PDB file of N, CA and C in Angstrom:
ATOM      1  N   MET A   1      -4.142 -22.380  23.142  1.00  0.00           N
ATOM      2  CA  MET A   1      -3.027 -21.451  23.364  1.00  0.00           C
ATOM      3  C   MET A   1      -3.431 -20.048  22.914  1.00  0.00           C
ATOM      4  N   ASN A   2      -3.309 -19.107  23.807  1.00  0.00           N
ATOM      5  CA  ASN A   2      -3.666 -17.733  23.458  1.00  0.00           C
ATOM      6  C   ASN A   2      -2.455 -16.837  23.713  1.00  0.00           C
ATOM      7  N   ASP A   3      -1.958 -16.242  22.650  1.00  0.00           N
ATOM      8  CA  ASP A   3      -0.795 -15.356  22.775  1.00  0.00           C
ATOM      9  C   ASP A   3      -1.224 -13.917  23.010  1.00  0.00           C
ATOM     10  N   GLY A   4      -2.483 -13.725  23.401  1.00  0.00           N
ATOM     11  CA  GLY A   4      -2.968 -12.374  23.641  1.00  0.00           C
ATOM     12  C   GLY A   4      -3.185 -11.637  22.332  1.00  0.00           C
ATOM     13  N   ILE A   5      -2.559 -10.473  22.210  1.00  0.00           N
ATOM     14  CA  ILE A   5      -2.754  -9.650  21.015  1.00  0.00           C
ATOM     15  C   ILE A   5      -2.254 -10.384  19.771  1.00  0.00           C
ATOM     16  N   ASP A   6      -1.098 -11.018  19.876  1.00  0.00           N
ATOM     17  CA  ASP A   6      -0.548 -11.714  18.710  1.00  0.00           C
ATOM     18  C   ASP A   6      -1.494 -12.806  18.238  1.00  0.00           C
ATOM     19  N   GLY A   7      -2.109 -13.528  19.187  1.00  0.00           N
ATOM     20  CA  GLY A   7      -3.006 -14.623  18.823  1.00  0.00           C
ATOM     21  C   GLY A   7      -4.274 -14.119  18.142  1.00  0.00           C
ATOM     22  N   GLU A   8      -4.798 -12.994  18.622  1.00  0.00           N
ATOM     23  CA  GLU A   8      -6.054 -12.485  18.069  1.00  0.00           C
ATOM     24  C   GLU A   8      -5.825 -11.630  16.826  1.00  0.00           C
ATOM     25  N   PHE A   9      -4.762 -10.857  16.829  1.00  0.00           N
ATOM     26  CA  PHE A   9      -4.502  -9.955  15.705  1.00  0.00           C
ATOM     27  C   PHE A   9      -3.066 -10.138  15.208  1.00  0.00           C
ATOM     28  N   PRO A  10      -2.800 -11.220  14.485  1.00  0.00           N
ATOM     29  CA  PRO A  10      -1.431 -11.454  14.005  1.00  0.00           C
ATOM     30  C   PRO A  10      -0.952 -10.370  13.046  1.00  0.00           C
ATOM     31  N   PHE A  11      -1.897  -9.688  12.391  1.00  0.00           N
ATOM     32  CA  PHE A  11      -1.490  -8.678  11.415  1.00  0.00           C
ATOM     33  C   PHE A  11      -0.953  -7.415  12.079  1.00  0.00           C
ATOM     34  N   LEU A  12      -1.229  -7.239  13.387  1.00  0.00           N
ATOM     35  CA  LEU A  12      -0.741  -6.035  14.067  1.00  0.00           C
ATOM     36  C   LEU A  12       0.780  -5.987  14.071  1.00  0.00           C
ATOM     37  N   ASP A  13       1.417  -7.157  14.167  1.00  0.00           N
ATOM     38  CA  ASP A  13       2.881  -7.183  14.144  1.00  0.00           C
ATOM     39  C   ASP A  13       3.383  -6.658  12.809  1.00  0.00           C
ATOM     40  N   ASP A  14       2.730  -7.070  11.715  1.00  0.00           N
ATOM     41  CA  ASP A  14       3.151  -6.610  10.392  1.00  0.00           C
ATOM     42  C   ASP A  14       2.951  -5.105  10.271  1.00  0.00           C
ATOM     43  N   VAL A  15       1.808  -4.625  10.757  1.00  0.00           N
ATOM     44  CA  VAL A  15       1.537  -3.187  10.694  1.00  0.00           C
ATOM     45  C   VAL A  15       2.593  -2.426  11.483  1.00  0.00           C
ATOM     46  N   PHE A  16       2.924  -2.929  12.666  1.00  0.00           N
ATOM     47  CA  PHE A  16       3.922  -2.272  13.509  1.00  0.00           C
ATOM     48  C   PHE A  16       5.270  -2.212  12.796  1.00  0.00           C
ATOM     49  N   LEU A  17       5.665  -3.332  12.165  1.00  0.00           N
ATOM     50  CA  LEU A  17       6.947  -3.374  11.461  1.00  0.00           C
ATOM     51  C   LEU A  17       6.951  -2.384  10.307  1.00  0.00           C
ATOM     52  N   VAL A  18       5.829  -2.288   9.591  1.00  0.00           N
ATOM     53  CA  VAL A  18       5.753  -1.352   8.464  1.00  0.00           C
ATOM     54  C   VAL A  18       5.893   0.082   8.961  1.00  0.00           C
ATOM     55  N   VAL A  19       5.210   0.401  10.062  1.00  0.00           N
ATOM     56  CA  VAL A  19       5.281   1.765  10.610  1.00  0.00           C
ATOM     57  C   VAL A  19       6.715   2.096  11.016  1.00  0.00           C
ATOM     58  N   VAL A  20       7.361   1.153  11.698  1.00  0.00           N
ATOM     59  CA  VAL A  20       8.748   1.373  12.123  1.00  0.00           C
ATOM     60  C   VAL A  20       9.645   1.547  10.901  1.00  0.00           C
ATOM     61  N   PHE A  21       9.403   0.718   9.883  1.00  0.00           N
ATOM     62  CA  PHE A  21      10.209   0.787   8.658  1.00  0.00           C
ATOM     63  C   PHE A  21      10.044   2.146   7.986  1.00  0.00           C
ATOM     64  N   LEU A  22       8.802   2.622   7.886  1.00  0.00           N
ATOM     65  CA  LEU A  22       8.554   3.915   7.244  1.00  0.00           C
ATOM     66  C   LEU A  22       9.193   5.042   8.050  1.00  0.00           C
ATOM     67  N   ARG A  23       9.122   4.945   9.368  1.00  0.00           N
ATOM     68  CA  ARG A  23       9.753   5.984  10.204  1.00  0.00           C
ATOM     69  C   ARG A  23      11.256   5.992   9.983  1.00  0.00           C
ATOM     70  N   ALA A  24      11.852   4.804   9.881  1.00  0.00           N
ATOM     71  CA  ALA A  24      13.297   4.710   9.661  1.00  0.00           C
ATOM     72  C   ALA A  24      13.659   5.354   8.328  1.00  0.00           C
ATOM     73  N   ILE A  25      12.828   5.131   7.303  1.00  0.00           N
ATOM     74  CA  ILE A  25      13.092   5.732   5.988  1.00  0.00           C
ATOM     75  C   ILE A  25      13.020   7.252   6.092  1.00  0.00           C
ATOM     76  N   LYS A  26      11.989   7.758   6.780  1.00  0.00           N
ATOM     77  CA  LYS A  26      11.851   9.212   6.922  1.00  0.00           C
ATOM     78  C   LYS A  26      13.065   9.795   7.632  1.00  0.00           C
ATOM     79  N   LEU A  27      13.513   9.130   8.711  1.00  0.00           N
ATOM     80  CA  LEU A  27      14.667   9.629   9.460  1.00  0.00           C
ATOM     81  C   LEU A  27      15.914   9.620   8.591  1.00  0.00           C
ATOM     82  N   SER A  28      16.104   8.556   7.804  1.00  0.00           N
ATOM     83  CA  SER A  28      17.293   8.473   6.955  1.00  0.00           C
ATOM     84  C   SER A  28      17.238   9.548   5.874  1.00  0.00           C
ATOM     85  N   GLU A  29      16.032   9.811   5.355  1.00  0.00           N
ATOM     86  CA  GLU A  29      15.899  10.859   4.341  1.00  0.00           C
ATOM     87  C   GLU A  29      16.236  12.216   4.953  1.00  0.00           C
ATOM     88  N   ARG A  30      15.744  12.470   6.155  1.00  0.00           N
ATOM     89  CA  ARG A  30      16.056  13.741   6.826  1.00  0.00           C
ATOM     90  C   ARG A  30      17.551  13.857   7.056  1.00  0.00           C
ATOM     91  N   ALA A  31      18.183  12.751   7.450  1.00  0.00           N
ATOM     92  CA  ALA A  31      19.626  12.769   7.704  1.00  0.00           C
ATOM     93  C   ALA A  31      20.372  13.106   6.417  1.00  0.00           C
ATOM     94  N   LYS A  32      19.951  12.501   5.308  1.00  0.00           N
ATOM     95  CA  LYS A  32      20.608  12.783   4.021  1.00  0.00           C
ATOM     96  C   LYS A  32      20.466  14.251   3.670  1.00  0.00           C
ATOM     97  N   ILE A  33      19.243  14.787   3.825  1.00  0.00           N
ATOM     98  CA  ILE A  33      18.999  16.196   3.502  1.00  0.00           C
ATOM     99  C   ILE A  33      19.845  17.092   4.408  1.00  0.00           C
ATOM    100  N   GLY A  34      19.912  16.745   5.694  1.00  0.00           N
ATOM    101  CA  GLY A  34      20.705  17.540   6.628  1.00  0.00           C
ATOM    102  C   GLY A  34      22.174  17.560   6.238  1.00  0.00           C
ATOM    103  N   ILE A  35      22.687  16.393   5.840  1.00  0.00           N
ATOM    104  CA  ILE A  35      24.094  16.311   5.431  1.00  0.00           C
ATOM    105  C   ILE A  35      24.316  17.153   4.176  1.00  0.00           C
ATOM    106  N   LEU A  36      23.380  17.071   3.231  1.00  0.00           N
ATOM    107  CA  LEU A  36      23.521  17.840   1.992  1.00  0.00           C
ATOM    108  C   LEU A  36      23.486  19.334   2.289  1.00  0.00           C
ATOM    109  N   LEU A  37      22.611  19.764   3.202  1.00  0.00           N
ATOM    110  CA  LEU A  37      22.503  21.187   3.513  1.00  0.00           C
ATOM    111  C   LEU A  37      23.765  21.685   4.212  1.00  0.00           C
ATOM    112  N   ARG A  38      24.370  20.844   5.040  1.00  0.00           N
ATOM    113  CA  ARG A  38      25.597  21.267   5.738  1.00  0.00           C
ATOM    114  C   ARG A  38      26.706  21.512   4.723  1.00  0.00           C
ATOM    115  N   ASN A  39      26.787  20.634   3.735  1.00  0.00           N
ATOM    116  CA  ASN A  39      27.827  20.809   2.712  1.00  0.00           C
ATOM    117  C   ASN A  39      27.326  21.855   1.723  1.00  0.00           C
TER     118      ASN A  39
END
């Protein structure tokens, strides 16, 4: 059974999730700063 990329590089999914998670944190931090600056 070959799942393609997932089968050969299972760690890529983890890396992708980490990148998405870090981007979400950056966006939330920017949103907080934006809200603080508006007030």
